[in-house]
PDB file of N, CA and C in Angstrom:
ATOM      1  N   MET A   1       0.808  -1.191   0.014  1.00  0.00           N
ATOM      2  CA  MET A   1      -0.008  -0.007   0.007  1.00  0.00           C
ATOM      3  C   MET A   1       0.847   1.272   0.009  1.00  0.00           C
ATOM      4  N   THR A   2       1.968   1.233   0.622  1.00  0.00           N
ATOM      5  CA  THR A   2       2.826   2.416   0.618  1.00  0.00           C
ATOM      6  C   THR A   2       3.295   2.752  -0.788  1.00  0.00           C
ATOM      7  N   THR A   3       3.462   1.753  -1.643  1.00  0.00           N
ATOM      8  CA  THR A   3       3.889   2.021  -3.007  1.00  0.00           C
ATOM      9  C   THR A   3       2.802   2.740  -3.766  1.00  0.00           C
ATOM     10  N   ASP A   4       1.523   2.323  -3.604  1.00  0.00           N
ATOM     11  CA  ASP A   4       0.409   3.009  -4.259  1.00  0.00           C
ATOM     12  C   ASP A   4       0.274   4.454  -3.776  1.00  0.00           C
ATOM     13  N   LYS A   5       0.499   4.651  -2.499  1.00  0.00           N
ATOM     14  CA  LYS A   5       0.410   6.002  -1.945  1.00  0.00           C
ATOM     15  C   LYS A   5       1.528   6.897  -2.497  1.00  0.00           C
ATOM     16  N   ASN A   6       2.744   6.329  -2.593  1.00  0.00           N
ATOM     17  CA  ASN A   6       3.848   7.096  -3.161  1.00  0.00           C
ATOM     18  C   ASN A   6       3.615   7.447  -4.621  1.00  0.00           C
ATOM     19  N   VAL A   7       3.073   6.534  -5.359  1.00  0.00           N
ATOM     20  CA  VAL A   7       2.779   6.781  -6.765  1.00  0.00           C
ATOM     21  C   VAL A   7       1.729   7.872  -6.899  1.00  0.00           C
ATOM     22  N   SER A   8       0.688   7.758  -6.108  1.00  0.00           N
ATOM     23  CA  SER A   8      -0.396   8.759  -6.193  1.00  0.00           C
ATOM     24  C   SER A   8       0.113  10.117  -5.697  1.00  0.00           C
ATOM     25  N   ASP A   9       1.004  10.138  -4.682  1.00  0.00           N
ATOM     26  CA  ASP A   9       1.570  11.395  -4.230  1.00  0.00           C
ATOM     27  C   ASP A   9       2.423  12.043  -5.343  1.00  0.00           C
ATOM     28  N   ARG A  10       3.212  11.204  -6.027  1.00  0.00           N
ATOM     29  CA  ARG A  10       4.022  11.728  -7.127  1.00  0.00           C
ATOM     30  C   ARG A  10       3.139  12.260  -8.243  1.00  0.00           C
ATOM     31  N   GLU A  11       2.090  11.537  -8.554  1.00  0.00           N
ATOM     32  CA  GLU A  11       1.177  11.992  -9.606  1.00  0.00           C
ATOM     33  C   GLU A  11       0.491  13.306  -9.207  1.00  0.00           C
ATOM     34  N   LEU A  12       0.082  13.364  -7.948  1.00  0.00           N
ATOM     35  CA  LEU A  12      -0.586  14.583  -7.472  1.00  0.00           C
ATOM     36  C   LEU A  12       0.352  15.763  -7.462  1.00  0.00           C
ATOM     37  N   ARG A  13       1.613  15.559  -7.078  1.00  0.00           N
ATOM     38  CA  ARG A  13       2.598  16.643  -7.083  1.00  0.00           C
ATOM     39  C   ARG A  13       2.838  17.120  -8.515  1.00  0.00           C
ATOM     40  N   ALA A  14       2.950  16.191  -9.439  1.00  0.00           N
ATOM     41  CA  ALA A  14       3.174  16.561 -10.853  1.00  0.00           C
ATOM     42  C   ALA A  14       1.966  17.344 -11.371  1.00  0.00           C
ATOM     43  N   ARG A  15       0.794  16.891 -11.014  1.00  0.00           N
ATOM     44  CA  ARG A  15      -0.429  17.607 -11.452  1.00  0.00           C
ATOM     45  C   ARG A  15      -0.487  18.993 -10.849  1.00  0.00           C
ATOM     46  N   LEU A  16      -0.138  19.089  -9.562  1.00  0.00           N
ATOM     47  CA  LEU A  16      -0.150  20.389  -8.889  1.00  0.00           C
ATOM     48  C   LEU A  16       0.857  21.331  -9.548  1.00  0.00           C
ATOM     49  N   GLU A  17       2.032  20.904  -9.837  1.00  0.00           N
ATOM     50  CA  GLU A  17       3.016  21.751 -10.488  1.00  0.00           C
ATOM     51  C   GLU A  17       2.577  22.188 -11.871  1.00  0.00           C
ATOM     52  N   ARG A  18       1.956  21.279 -12.613  1.00  0.00           N
ATOM     53  CA  ARG A  18       1.448  21.624 -13.933  1.00  0.00           C
ATOM     54  C   ARG A  18       0.332  22.687 -13.857  1.00  0.00           C
ATOM     55  N   LEU A  19      -0.564  22.487 -12.889  1.00  0.00           N
ATOM     56  CA  LEU A  19      -1.655  23.461 -12.715  1.00  0.00           C
ATOM     57  C   LEU A  19      -1.124  24.830 -12.257  1.00  0.00           C
ATOM     58  N   GLN A  20      -0.114  24.827 -11.378  1.00  0.00           N
ATOM     59  CA  GLN A  20       0.466  26.084 -10.934  1.00  0.00           C
ATOM     60  C   GLN A  20       1.131  26.804 -12.095  1.00  0.00           C
ATOM     61  N   ALA A  21       1.791  26.063 -12.962  1.00  0.00           N
ATOM     62  CA  ALA A  21       2.434  26.672 -14.121  1.00  0.00           C
ATOM     63  C   ALA A  21       1.395  27.280 -15.056  1.00  0.00           C
ATOM     64  N   GLU A  22       0.286  26.554 -15.277  1.00  0.00           N
ATOM     65  CA  GLU A  22      -0.769  27.078 -16.138  1.00  0.00           C
ATOM     66  C   GLU A  22      -1.408  28.322 -15.538  1.00  0.00           C
ATOM     67  N   LEU A  23      -1.616  28.281 -14.231  1.00  0.00           N
ATOM     68  CA  LEU A  23      -2.196  29.432 -13.558  1.00  0.00           C
ATOM     69  C   LEU A  23      -1.286  30.622 -13.625  1.00  0.00           C
ATOM     70  N   GLY A  24      -0.009  30.396 -13.454  1.00  0.00           N
ATOM     71  CA  GLY A  24       0.979  31.492 -13.562  1.00  0.00           C
ATOM     72  C   GLY A  24       0.994  32.109 -14.951  1.00  0.00           C
ATOM     73  N   SER A  25       0.906  31.270 -15.976  1.00  0.00           N
ATOM     74  CA  SER A  25       0.921  31.802 -17.344  1.00  0.00           C
ATOM     75  C   SER A  25      -0.361  32.611 -17.638  1.00  0.00           C
ATOM     76  N   LYS A  26      -1.508  32.116 -17.128  1.00  0.00           N
ATOM     77  CA  LYS A  26      -2.761  32.865 -17.316  1.00  0.00           C
ATOM     78  C   LYS A  26      -2.709  34.207 -16.575  1.00  0.00           C
ATOM     79  N   GLU A  27      -2.099  34.211 -15.410  1.00  0.00           N
ATOM     80  CA  GLU A  27      -1.979  35.449 -14.642  1.00  0.00           C
ATOM     81  C   GLU A  27      -1.077  36.446 -15.384  1.00  0.00           C
ATOM     82  N   GLU A  28       0.004  35.976 -15.959  1.00  0.00           N
ATOM     83  CA  GLU A  28       0.867  36.854 -16.715  1.00  0.00           C
ATOM     84  C   GLU A  28       0.162  37.403 -17.950  1.00  0.00           C
ATOM     85  N   GLU A  29      -0.651  36.583 -18.627  1.00  0.00           N
ATOM     86  CA  GLU A  29      -1.418  37.093 -19.767  1.00  0.00           C
ATOM     87  C   GLU A  29      -2.386  38.176 -19.350  1.00  0.00           C
ATOM     88  N   ARG A  30      -3.049  37.978 -18.213  1.00  0.00           N
ATOM     89  CA  ARG A  30      -4.035  38.948 -17.720  1.00  0.00           C
ATOM     90  C   ARG A  30      -3.325  40.255 -17.384  1.00  0.00           C
ATOM     91  N   ARG A  31      -2.174  40.169 -16.749  1.00  0.00           N
ATOM     92  CA  ARG A  31      -1.422  41.391 -16.401  1.00  0.00           C
ATOM     93  C   ARG A  31      -0.955  42.106 -17.649  1.00  0.00           C
ATOM     94  N   ALA A  32      -0.564  41.374 -18.666  1.00  0.00           N
ATOM     95  CA  ALA A  32      -0.115  41.988 -19.914  1.00  0.00           C
ATOM     96  C   ALA A  32      -1.281  42.738 -20.601  1.00  0.00           C
ATOM     97  N   GLU A  33      -2.489  42.149 -20.542  1.00  0.00           N
ATOM     98  CA  GLU A  33      -3.655  42.772 -21.162  1.00  0.00           C
ATOM     99  C   GLU A  33      -4.115  44.004 -20.426  1.00  0.00           C
ATOM    100  N   THR A  34      -4.088  43.975 -19.076  1.00  0.00           N
ATOM    101  CA  THR A  34      -4.627  45.090 -18.287  1.00  0.00           C
ATOM    102  C   THR A  34      -3.568  46.106 -17.888  1.00  0.00           C
ATOM    103  N   GLY A  35      -2.328  45.880 -18.216  1.00  0.00           N
ATOM    104  CA  GLY A  35      -1.276  46.817 -17.841  1.00  0.00           C
ATOM    105  C   GLY A  35      -0.730  46.567 -16.456  1.00  0.00           C
ATOM    106  N   GLY A  36      -1.040  45.472 -15.847  1.00  0.00           N
ATOM    107  CA  GLY A  36      -0.432  45.097 -14.579  1.00  0.00           C
ATOM    108  C   GLY A  36      -1.289  45.331 -13.359  1.00  0.00           C
ATOM    109  N   GLY A  37      -2.093  46.358 -13.331  1.00  0.00           N
ATOM    110  CA  GLY A  37      -2.872  46.657 -12.138  1.00  0.00           C
ATOM    111  C   GLY A  37      -4.322  46.206 -12.236  1.00  0.00           C
ATOM    112  N   LEU A  38      -5.149  46.885 -11.473  1.00  0.00           N
ATOM    113  CA  LEU A  38      -6.566  46.590 -11.544  1.00  0.00           C
ATOM    114  C   LEU A  38      -7.116  47.081 -12.866  1.00  0.00           C
ATOM    115  N   PRO A  39      -8.103  46.397 -13.422  1.00  0.00           N
ATOM    116  CA  PRO A  39      -8.709  46.874 -14.670  1.00  0.00           C
ATOM    117  C   PRO A  39      -9.446  48.190 -14.402  1.00  0.00           C
ATOM    118  N   VAL A  40      -9.083  49.229 -15.142  1.00  0.00           N
ATOM    119  CA  VAL A  40      -9.655  50.545 -14.902  1.00  0.00           C
ATOM    120  C   VAL A  40     -10.881  50.791 -15.754  1.00  0.00           C
ATOM    121  N   GLY A  41     -10.963  50.198 -16.914  1.00  0.00           N
ATOM    122  CA  GLY A  41     -12.085  50.478 -17.809  1.00  0.00           C
ATOM    123  C   GLY A  41     -13.365  49.831 -17.400  1.00  0.00           C
ATOM    124  N   GLY A  42     -13.403  48.975 -16.428  1.00  0.00           N
ATOM    125  CA  GLY A  42     -14.599  48.253 -16.046  1.00  0.00           C
ATOM    126  C   GLY A  42     -15.452  49.037 -15.092  1.00  0.00           C
ATOM    127  N   SER A  43     -16.218  48.325 -14.314  1.00  0.00           N
ATOM    128  CA  SER A  43     -17.142  48.960 -13.390  1.00  0.00           C
ATOM    129  C   SER A  43     -16.411  49.670 -12.258  1.00  0.00           C
ATOM    130  N   PHE A  44     -15.218  49.203 -11.920  1.00  0.00           N
ATOM    131  CA  PHE A  44     -14.443  49.866 -10.852  1.00  0.00           C
ATOM    132  C   PHE A  44     -14.095  51.280 -11.264  1.00  0.00           C
ATOM    133  N   GLY A  45     -13.637  51.482 -12.485  1.00  0.00           N
ATOM    134  CA  GLY A  45     -13.293  52.808 -12.985  1.00  0.00           C
ATOM    135  C   GLY A  45     -14.510  53.728 -13.029  1.00  0.00           C
ATOM    136  N   LYS A  46     -15.626  53.209 -13.459  1.00  0.00           N
ATOM    137  CA  LYS A  46     -16.866  54.009 -13.529  1.00  0.00           C
ATOM    138  C   LYS A  46     -17.323  54.408 -12.131  1.00  0.00           C
ATOM    139  N   ALA A  47     -17.234  53.482 -11.169  1.00  0.00           N
ATOM    140  CA  ALA A  47     -17.654  53.792  -9.816  1.00  0.00           C
ATOM    141  C   ALA A  47     -16.730  54.838  -9.196  1.00  0.00           C
ATOM    142  N   LEU A  48     -15.444  54.724  -9.422  1.00  0.00           N
ATOM    143  CA  LEU A  48     -14.474  55.692  -8.910  1.00  0.00           C
ATOM    144  C   LEU A  48     -14.724  57.062  -9.520  1.00  0.00           C
ATOM    145  N   SER A  49     -15.017  57.122 -10.798  1.00  0.00           N
ATOM    146  CA  SER A  49     -15.317  58.397 -11.447  1.00  0.00           C
ATOM    147  C   SER A  49     -16.588  59.035 -10.865  1.00  0.00           C
ATOM    148  N   ALA A  50     -17.616  58.209 -10.675  1.00  0.00           N
ATOM    149  CA  ALA A  50     -18.863  58.727 -10.117  1.00  0.00           C
ATOM    150  C   ALA A  50     -18.666  59.208  -8.707  1.00  0.00           C
ATOM    151  N   GLY A  51     -17.885  58.510  -7.910  1.00  0.00           N
ATOM    152  CA  GLY A  51     -17.617  58.925  -6.539  1.00  0.00           C
ATOM    153  C   GLY A  51     -16.900  60.262  -6.480  1.00  0.00           C
ATOM    154  N   PHE A  52     -15.871  60.412  -7.334  1.00  0.00           N
ATOM    155  CA  PHE A  52     -15.142  61.683  -7.338  1.00  0.00           C
ATOM    156  C   PHE A  52     -16.018  62.840  -7.849  1.00  0.00           C
ATOM    157  N   THR A  53     -16.893  62.559  -8.779  1.00  0.00           N
ATOM    158  CA  THR A  53     -17.791  63.595  -9.279  1.00  0.00           C
ATOM    159  C   THR A  53     -18.735  64.086  -8.178  1.00  0.00           C
ATOM    160  N   VAL A  54     -19.349  63.115  -7.462  1.00  0.00           N
ATOM    161  CA  VAL A  54     -20.289  63.477  -6.385  1.00  0.00           C
ATOM    162  C   VAL A  54     -19.538  64.237  -5.283  1.00  0.00           C
ATOM    163  N   LEU A  55     -18.369  63.749  -4.910  1.00  0.00           N
ATOM    164  CA  LEU A  55     -17.607  64.396  -3.857  1.00  0.00           C
ATOM    165  C   LEU A  55     -17.229  65.824  -4.246  1.00  0.00           C
ATOM    166  N   SER A  56     -16.748  66.010  -5.452  1.00  0.00           N
ATOM    167  CA  SER A  56     -16.314  67.349  -5.866  1.00  0.00           C
ATOM    168  C   SER A  56     -17.496  68.295  -5.959  1.00  0.00           C
ATOM    169  N   GLU A  57     -18.658  67.839  -6.457  1.00  0.00           N
ATOM    170  CA  GLU A  57     -19.810  68.722  -6.519  1.00  0.00           C
ATOM    171  C   GLU A  57     -20.312  69.095  -5.141  1.00  0.00           C
ATOM    172  N   PHE A  58     -20.275  68.152  -4.190  1.00  0.00           N
ATOM    173  CA  PHE A  58     -20.715  68.408  -2.841  1.00  0.00           C
ATOM    174  C   PHE A  58     -19.799  69.436  -2.168  1.00  0.00           C
ATOM    175  N   VAL A  59     -18.517  69.203  -2.240  1.00  0.00           N
ATOM    176  CA  VAL A  59     -17.561  70.110  -1.595  1.00  0.00           C
ATOM    177  C   VAL A  59     -17.592  71.490  -2.258  1.00  0.00           C
ATOM    178  N   ALA A  60     -17.719  71.527  -3.571  1.00  0.00           N
ATOM    179  CA  ALA A  60     -17.742  72.828  -4.282  1.00  0.00           C
ATOM    180  C   ALA A  60     -18.972  73.636  -3.855  1.00  0.00           C
ATOM    181  N   ALA A  61     -20.127  73.011  -3.711  1.00  0.00           N
ATOM    182  CA  ALA A  61     -21.315  73.752  -3.312  1.00  0.00           C
ATOM    183  C   ALA A  61     -21.142  74.336  -1.923  1.00  0.00           C
ATOM    184  N   ILE A  62     -20.541  73.600  -1.013  1.00  0.00           N
ATOM    185  CA  ILE A  62     -20.330  74.104   0.353  1.00  0.00           C
ATOM    186  C   ILE A  62     -19.320  75.228   0.336  1.00  0.00           C
ATOM    187  N   LEU A  63     -18.252  75.093  -0.429  1.00  0.00           N
ATOM    188  CA  LEU A  63     -17.247  76.179  -0.494  1.00  0.00           C
ATOM    189  C   LEU A  63     -17.792  77.453  -1.112  1.00  0.00           C
ATOM    190  N   VAL A  64     -18.572  77.301  -2.179  1.00  0.00           N
ATOM    191  CA  VAL A  64     -19.141  78.484  -2.820  1.00  0.00           C
ATOM    192  C   VAL A  64     -20.118  79.175  -1.868  1.00  0.00           C
ATOM    193  N   GLY A  65     -20.972  78.415  -1.188  1.00  0.00           N
ATOM    194  CA  GLY A  65     -21.873  79.020  -0.207  1.00  0.00           C
ATOM    195  C   GLY A  65     -21.146  79.732   0.900  1.00  0.00           C
ATOM    196  N   THR A  66     -20.087  79.122   1.374  1.00  0.00           N
ATOM    197  CA  THR A  66     -19.290  79.740   2.445  1.00  0.00           C
ATOM    198  C   THR A  66     -18.614  81.033   1.989  1.00  0.00           C
ATOM    199  N   LEU A  67     -18.013  80.995   0.812  1.00  0.00           N
ATOM    200  CA  LEU A  67     -17.362  82.199   0.290  1.00  0.00           C
ATOM    201  C   LEU A  67     -18.339  83.349   0.025  1.00  0.00           C
ATOM    202  N   ILE A  68     -19.496  83.006  -0.497  1.00  0.00           N
ATOM    203  CA  ILE A  68     -20.504  84.070  -0.739  1.00  0.00           C
ATOM    204  C   ILE A  68     -20.945  84.669   0.597  1.00  0.00           C
ATOM    205  N   GLY A  69     -21.230  83.803   1.569  1.00  0.00           N
ATOM    206  CA  GLY A  69     -21.639  84.306   2.884  1.00  0.00           C
ATOM    207  C   GLY A  69     -20.572  85.168   3.561  1.00  0.00           C
ATOM    208  N   TRP A  70     -19.328  84.730   3.453  1.00  0.00           N
ATOM    209  CA  TRP A  70     -18.234  85.499   4.047  1.00  0.00           C
ATOM    210  C   TRP A  70     -18.109  86.887   3.381  1.00  0.00           C
ATOM    211  N   GLN A  71     -18.203  86.906   2.045  1.00  0.00           N
ATOM    212  CA  GLN A  71     -18.071  88.199   1.318  1.00  0.00           C
ATOM    213  C   GLN A  71     -19.236  89.128   1.622  1.00  0.00           C
ATOM    214  N   VAL A  72     -20.459  88.578   1.634  1.00  0.00           N
ATOM    215  CA  VAL A  72     -21.625  89.434   1.909  1.00  0.00           C
ATOM    216  C   VAL A  72     -21.562  89.965   3.354  1.00  0.00           C
ATOM    217  N   ASP A  73     -21.065  89.136   4.285  1.00  0.00           N
ATOM    218  CA  ASP A  73     -20.890  89.606   5.655  1.00  0.00           C
ATOM    219  C   ASP A  73     -19.873  90.767   5.716  1.00  0.00           C
ATOM    220  N   ARG A  74     -18.826  90.685   4.920  1.00  0.00           N
ATOM    221  CA  ARG A  74     -17.845  91.761   4.896  1.00  0.00           C
ATOM    222  C   ARG A  74     -18.435  93.044   4.346  1.00  0.00           C
ATOM    223  N   TRP A  75     -19.315  92.930   3.343  1.00  0.00           N
ATOM    224  CA  TRP A  75     -19.887  94.112   2.722  1.00  0.00           C
ATOM    225  C   TRP A  75     -20.864  94.807   3.700  1.00  0.00           C
ATOM    226  N   PHE A  76     -21.705  94.010   4.372  1.00  0.00           N
ATOM    227  CA  PHE A  76     -22.748  94.588   5.206  1.00  0.00           C
ATOM    228  C   PHE A  76     -22.337  94.644   6.685  1.00  0.00           C
ATOM    229  N   GLY A  77     -21.237  94.025   7.069  1.00  0.00           N
ATOM    230  CA  GLY A  77     -20.801  94.062   8.457  1.00  0.00           C
ATOM    231  C   GLY A  77     -21.755  93.380   9.405  1.00  0.00           C
ATOM    232  N   THR A  78     -22.357  92.299   8.982  1.00  0.00           N
ATOM    233  CA  THR A  78     -23.379  91.636   9.792  1.00  0.00           C
ATOM    234  C   THR A  78     -22.825  90.520  10.659  1.00  0.00           C
ATOM    235  N   GLY A  79     -21.535  90.369  10.749  1.00  0.00           N
ATOM    236  CA  GLY A  79     -20.967  89.294  11.579  1.00  0.00           C
ATOM    237  C   GLY A  79     -21.129  87.942  10.905  1.00  0.00           C
ATOM    238  N   PRO A  80     -21.187  86.920  11.669  1.00  0.00           N
ATOM    239  CA  PRO A  80     -21.176  85.592  11.027  1.00  0.00           C
ATOM    240  C   PRO A  80     -22.577  85.113  10.542  1.00  0.00           C
ATOM    241  N   TRP A  81     -23.602  85.967  10.634  1.00  0.00           N
ATOM    242  CA  TRP A  81     -24.960  85.493  10.395  1.00  0.00           C
ATOM    243  C   TRP A  81     -25.196  85.135   8.924  1.00  0.00           C
ATOM    244  N   LEU A  82     -24.774  85.939   8.005  1.00  0.00           N
ATOM    245  CA  LEU A  82     -24.973  85.602   6.592  1.00  0.00           C
ATOM    246  C   LEU A  82     -24.048  84.481   6.171  1.00  0.00           C
ATOM    247  N   LEU A  83     -22.855  84.403   6.783  1.00  0.00           N
ATOM    248  CA  LEU A  83     -21.945  83.273   6.542  1.00  0.00           C
ATOM    249  C   LEU A  83     -22.648  81.981   6.912  1.00  0.00           C
ATOM    250  N   ILE A  84     -23.264  81.937   8.091  1.00  0.00           N
ATOM    251  CA  ILE A  84     -23.963  80.751   8.531  1.00  0.00           C
ATOM    252  C   ILE A  84     -25.142  80.421   7.594  1.00  0.00           C
ATOM    253  N   LEU A  85     -25.871  81.480   7.183  1.00  0.00           N
ATOM    254  CA  LEU A  85     -27.018  81.262   6.298  1.00  0.00           C
ATOM    255  C   LEU A  85     -26.551  80.680   4.942  1.00  0.00           C
ATOM    256  N   PHE A  86     -25.538  81.290   4.354  1.00  0.00           N
ATOM    257  CA  PHE A  86     -25.072  80.805   3.055  1.00  0.00           C
ATOM    258  C   PHE A  86     -24.326  79.470   3.154  1.00  0.00           C
ATOM    259  N   LEU A  87     -23.724  79.234   4.302  1.00  0.00           N
ATOM    260  CA  LEU A  87     -23.149  77.887   4.514  1.00  0.00           C
ATOM    261  C   LEU A  87     -24.253  76.825   4.492  1.00  0.00           C
ATOM    262  N   GLY A  88     -25.358  77.099   5.167  1.00  0.00           N
ATOM    263  CA  GLY A  88     -26.500  76.186   5.125  1.00  0.00           C
ATOM    264  C   GLY A  88     -27.057  76.018   3.753  1.00  0.00           C
ATOM    265  N   LEU A  89     -27.137  77.105   3.011  1.00  0.00           N
ATOM    266  CA  LEU A  89     -27.602  77.004   1.610  1.00  0.00           C
ATOM    267  C   LEU A  89     -26.631  76.190   0.757  1.00  0.00           C
ATOM    268  N   GLY A  90     -25.330  76.344   1.011  1.00  0.00           N
ATOM    269  CA  GLY A  90     -24.350  75.560   0.265  1.00  0.00           C
ATOM    270  C   GLY A  90     -24.448  74.066   0.571  1.00  0.00           C
ATOM    271  N   VAL A  91     -24.677  73.740   1.833  1.00  0.00           N
ATOM    272  CA  VAL A  91     -24.862  72.318   2.189  1.00  0.00           C
ATOM    273  C   VAL A  91     -26.124  71.785   1.543  1.00  0.00           C
ATOM    274  N   ALA A  92     -27.188  72.571   1.564  1.00  0.00           N
ATOM    275  CA  ALA A  92     -28.440  72.130   0.898  1.00  0.00           C
ATOM    276  C   ALA A  92     -28.255  71.947  -0.604  1.00  0.00           C
ATOM    277  N   ALA A  93     -27.513  72.870  -1.224  1.00  0.00           N
ATOM    278  CA  ALA A  93     -27.244  72.743  -2.643  1.00  0.00           C
ATOM    279  C   ALA A  93     -26.369  71.520  -2.919  1.00  0.00           C
ATOM    280  N   GLY A  94     -25.414  71.251  -2.021  1.00  0.00           N
ATOM    281  CA  GLY A  94     -24.565  70.067  -2.212  1.00  0.00           C
ATOM    282  C   GLY A  94     -25.390  68.782  -2.138  1.00  0.00           C
ATOM    283  N   PHE A  95     -26.311  68.667  -1.182  1.00  0.00           N
ATOM    284  CA  PHE A  95     -27.140  67.495  -1.063  1.00  0.00           C
ATOM    285  C   PHE A  95     -28.081  67.392  -2.290  1.00  0.00           C
ATOM    286  N   TYR A  96     -28.565  68.525  -2.760  1.00  0.00           N
ATOM    287  CA  TYR A  96     -29.425  68.524  -3.963  1.00  0.00           C
ATOM    288  C   TYR A  96     -28.632  68.000  -5.169  1.00  0.00           C
ATOM    289  N   ASN A  97     -27.385  68.423  -5.313  1.00  0.00           N
ATOM    290  CA  ASN A  97     -26.545  67.935  -6.413  1.00  0.00           C
ATOM    291  C   ASN A  97     -26.319  66.414  -6.325  1.00  0.00           C
ATOM    292  N   VAL A  98     -26.088  65.944  -5.102  1.00  0.00           N
ATOM    293  CA  VAL A  98     -25.921  64.486  -4.924  1.00  0.00           C
ATOM    294  C   VAL A  98     -27.211  63.778  -5.291  1.00  0.00           C
ATOM    295  N   PHE A  99     -28.343  64.310  -4.839  1.00  0.00           N
ATOM    296  CA  PHE A  99     -29.639  63.679  -5.166  1.00  0.00           C
ATOM    297  C   PHE A  99     -29.860  63.658  -6.685  1.00  0.00           C
ATOM    298  N   ARG A 100     -29.553  64.761  -7.363  1.00  0.00           N
ATOM    299  CA  ARG A 100     -29.735  64.777  -8.823  1.00  0.00           C
ATOM    300  C   ARG A 100     -28.841  63.768  -9.501  1.00  0.00           C
ATOM    301  N   PHE A 101     -27.654  63.535  -8.963  1.00  0.00           N
ATOM    302  CA  PHE A 101     -26.716  62.604  -9.585  1.00  0.00           C
ATOM    303  C   PHE A 101     -27.171  61.161  -9.434  1.00  0.00           C
ATOM    304  N   VAL A 102     -27.695  60.824  -8.266  1.00  0.00           N
ATOM    305  CA  VAL A 102     -28.058  59.427  -7.996  1.00  0.00           C
ATOM    306  C   VAL A 102     -29.494  59.108  -8.344  1.00  0.00           C
ATOM    307  N   ALA A 103     -30.329  60.105  -8.609  1.00  0.00           N
ATOM    308  CA  ALA A 103     -31.735  59.841  -8.917  1.00  0.00           C
ATOM    309  C   ALA A 103     -31.856  59.162 -10.287  1.00  0.00           C
ATOM    310  N   PRO A 104     -32.819  58.268 -10.428  1.00  0.00           N
ATOM    311  CA  PRO A 104     -33.030  57.660 -11.748  1.00  0.00           C
ATOM    312  C   PRO A 104     -33.452  58.740 -12.773  1.00  0.00           C
ATOM    313  N   LYS A 105     -33.212  58.466 -14.013  1.00  0.00           N
ATOM    314  CA  LYS A 105     -33.554  59.455 -15.059  1.00  0.00           C
ATOM    315  C   LYS A 105     -35.015  59.767 -15.096  1.00  0.00           C
ATOM    316  N   ASP A 106     -35.888  58.820 -14.762  1.00  0.00           N
ATOM    317  CA  ASP A 106     -37.335  59.052 -14.755  1.00  0.00           C
ATOM    318  C   ASP A 106     -37.701  60.137 -13.730  1.00  0.00           C
ATOM    319  N   ALA A 107     -37.014  60.145 -12.583  1.00  0.00           N
ATOM    320  CA  ALA A 107     -37.322  61.108 -11.543  1.00  0.00           C
ATOM    321  C   ALA A 107     -36.829  62.497 -11.934  1.00  0.00           C
ATOM    322  N   ARG A 108     -35.930  62.602 -12.895  1.00  0.00           N
ATOM    323  CA  ARG A 108     -35.383  63.898 -13.314  1.00  0.00           C
ATOM    324  C   ARG A 108     -36.198  64.516 -14.473  1.00  0.00           C
ATOM    325  N   GLY A 109     -37.260  63.900 -14.839  1.00  0.00           N
ATOM    326  CA  GLY A 109     -38.066  64.432 -15.938  1.00  0.00           C
ATOM    327  C   GLY A 109     -37.584  63.997 -17.293  1.00  0.00           C
ATOM    328  N   GLY A 110     -36.961  62.828 -17.408  1.00  0.00           N
ATOM    329  CA  GLY A 110     -36.555  62.283 -18.688  1.00  0.00           C
ATOM    330  C   GLY A 110     -35.303  62.872 -19.290  1.00  0.00           C
ATOM    331  N   GLU A 111     -34.437  63.427 -18.475  1.00  0.00           N
ATOM    332  CA  GLU A 111     -33.194  63.995 -18.975  1.00  0.00           C
ATOM    333  C   GLU A 111     -32.325  62.942 -19.587  1.00  0.00           C
TER     334      GLU A 111
END
């Protein structure tokens, strides 16, 4: 019985080495096709692009609201009250931009 076990172990090791070599060659082919890293053109790249778009629109709306409030406060000398008001409007505009981005096209009136 030990002879049968040794033969089957040798066969299994040979099969394992052959499969590892095939797997390594397939992996090298995939890396050559995609440029080595994660595939960018697929759904990962689209999701990353959408995330950066939403983030930049949200932050931009808040910054614009804050800058407008700060400048209007300087003109009228009203202290931080218009800054706070326009900051709130900027946050609301940012959330509205995010909602417009993620809403289905039917909810946007067929755009």
